[in-house]
Amino acid sequence: MTTPTPSKTVLMGFADALAAPEVFFGLYHKGYKVQVFQKKGAETPLSKHLASGPPLYITPPEENAGKAVSDLADALRSRTDIDIVLALDDTSLWRKPGQSLVCKP
């Protein structure tokens, strides 16, 4: 079986989520280009040792929710190659009325 040519870029996070390695490899082996977002100050094996490119760092939502939303929105605006945002844990699914951490503008 051949791996399809990557046609979509997935931004997934947080990189320290328990499911992150399995999701990364599942998407990668299906031909997706995978990037990760992670909390500033965190280092994870997924972002350090896998060929996913440099992670997109955002403020941890538990420290400053508004800044986390702003950081991710800014990253998405500057990265027009990202097609899909995939939330992997409760923190990345965080939601406050009028704000969502995983909305692509």
Protein backbone atom coordinates (compact mmCIF):
# COMPACT_ATOMS: atom_id res chain seq x y z
CA MET A 1 0.00 0.00 0.00
CA THR A 2 1.40 3.39 -0.93
CA THR A 3 1.10 6.53 1.14
CA PRO A 4 -0.97 9.19 -0.62
CA THR A 5 0.59 12.51 -1.51
CA PRO A 6 -0.04 14.97 1.32
CA SER A 7 -2.80 17.30 0.30
CA LYS A 8 -3.96 18.80 3.58
CA THR A 9 -2.18 20.25 6.58
CA VAL A 10 -3.57 19.45 10.02
CA LEU A 11 -2.74 21.57 13.05
CA MET A 12 -3.35 19.48 16.15
CA GLY A 13 -2.92 20.11 19.82
CA PHE A 14 -2.12 20.32 22.44
CA ALA A 15 1.09 18.41 21.72
CA ASP A 16 1.17 17.05 25.28
CA ALA A 17 -2.26 15.39 24.95
CA LEU A 18 -2.24 11.67 25.69
CA ALA A 19 -3.64 10.92 22.23
CA ALA A 20 -1.16 13.16 20.37
CA PRO A 21 1.42 10.54 19.27
CA GLU A 22 -1.20 8.09 18.03
CA VAL A 23 -3.14 10.80 16.19
CA PHE A 24 0.07 12.19 14.71
CA PHE A 25 1.16 8.85 13.28
CA GLY A 26 -2.34 7.99 12.05
CA LEU A 27 -2.61 11.24 10.12
CA TYR A 28 1.01 11.14 8.92
CA HIS A 29 0.65 7.61 7.54
CA LYS A 30 -2.50 8.64 5.70
CA GLY A 31 -0.56 11.35 3.90
CA TYR A 32 -1.40 14.47 5.89
CA LYS A 33 1.19 17.07 6.77
CA VAL A 34 0.90 17.44 10.55
CA GLN A 35 1.83 20.48 12.66
CA VAL A 36 1.29 20.78 16.40
CA PHE A 37 0.40 23.59 18.75
CA GLN A 38 1.52 23.53 22.34
CA LYS A 39 1.58 25.64 25.44
CA LYS A 40 4.42 28.14 25.78
CA GLY A 41 7.01 26.79 28.18
CA ALA A 42 6.12 23.15 27.53
CA GLU A 43 8.44 20.73 25.80
CA THR A 44 6.98 17.50 24.55
CA PRO A 45 8.49 14.45 22.84
CA LEU A 46 6.04 14.95 19.97
CA SER A 47 7.31 18.42 19.13
CA LYS A 48 10.97 17.69 19.88
CA HIS A 49 11.53 14.39 18.08
CA LEU A 50 9.06 14.12 15.22
CA ALA A 51 9.36 15.68 11.81
CA SER A 52 6.33 17.90 12.22
CA GLY A 53 8.20 21.18 11.98
CA PRO A 54 8.46 23.71 14.78
CA PRO A 55 5.41 23.83 17.05
CA LEU A 56 3.13 26.83 17.24
CA TYR A 57 3.40 28.06 20.81
CA ILE A 58 0.38 29.62 22.48
CA THR A 59 -0.28 30.95 25.96
CA PRO A 60 -1.69 28.18 28.18
CA PRO A 61 -5.47 28.77 28.42
CA GLU A 62 -5.39 28.02 32.14
CA GLU A 63 -3.08 31.04 32.59
CA ASN A 64 -4.81 33.51 30.26
CA ALA A 65 -7.72 32.24 28.19
CA GLY A 66 -8.13 35.40 26.12
CA LYS A 67 -4.45 35.46 25.20
CA ALA A 68 -4.56 31.77 24.24
CA VAL A 69 -7.42 32.43 21.82
CA SER A 70 -5.59 35.45 20.41
CA ASP A 71 -2.31 33.53 20.01
CA LEU A 72 -3.98 30.70 18.12
CA ALA A 73 -6.00 33.07 15.94
CA ASP A 74 -2.85 35.04 15.08
CA ALA A 75 -0.99 31.83 14.22
CA LEU A 76 -3.81 30.68 11.97
CA ARG A 77 -3.98 34.02 10.18
CA SER A 78 -0.24 33.90 9.48
CA ARG A 79 -0.29 30.24 8.35
CA THR A 80 -2.50 30.00 5.28
CA ASP A 81 -1.36 26.41 4.65
CA ILE A 82 -3.34 25.01 7.62
CA ASP A 83 -6.52 23.33 6.43
CA ILE A 84 -7.78 21.61 9.57
CA VAL A 85 -7.48 22.31 13.30
CA LEU A 86 -7.84 19.23 15.47
CA ALA A 87 -8.35 19.56 19.23
CA LEU A 88 -7.01 16.59 21.17
CA ASP A 89 -7.87 17.25 24.80
CA ASP A 90 -10.24 19.13 27.07
CA THR A 91 -7.95 22.16 27.31
CA SER A 92 -7.80 22.58 23.53
CA LEU A 93 -11.59 22.23 23.38
CA TRP A 94 -11.97 24.96 25.98
CA ARG A 95 -14.85 27.24 25.21
CA LYS A 96 -16.19 30.46 26.64
CA PRO A 97 -19.26 32.23 25.23
CA GLY A 98 -18.12 34.08 22.13
CA GLN A 99 -14.66 32.47 22.11
CA SER A 100 -13.42 29.13 20.92
CA LEU A 101 -9.84 27.98 21.01
CA VAL A 102 -10.23 25.87 17.87
CA CYS A 103 -11.98 28.22 15.42
CA LYS A 104 -10.13 28.94 12.21
CA PRO A 105 -10.81 32.51 11.05
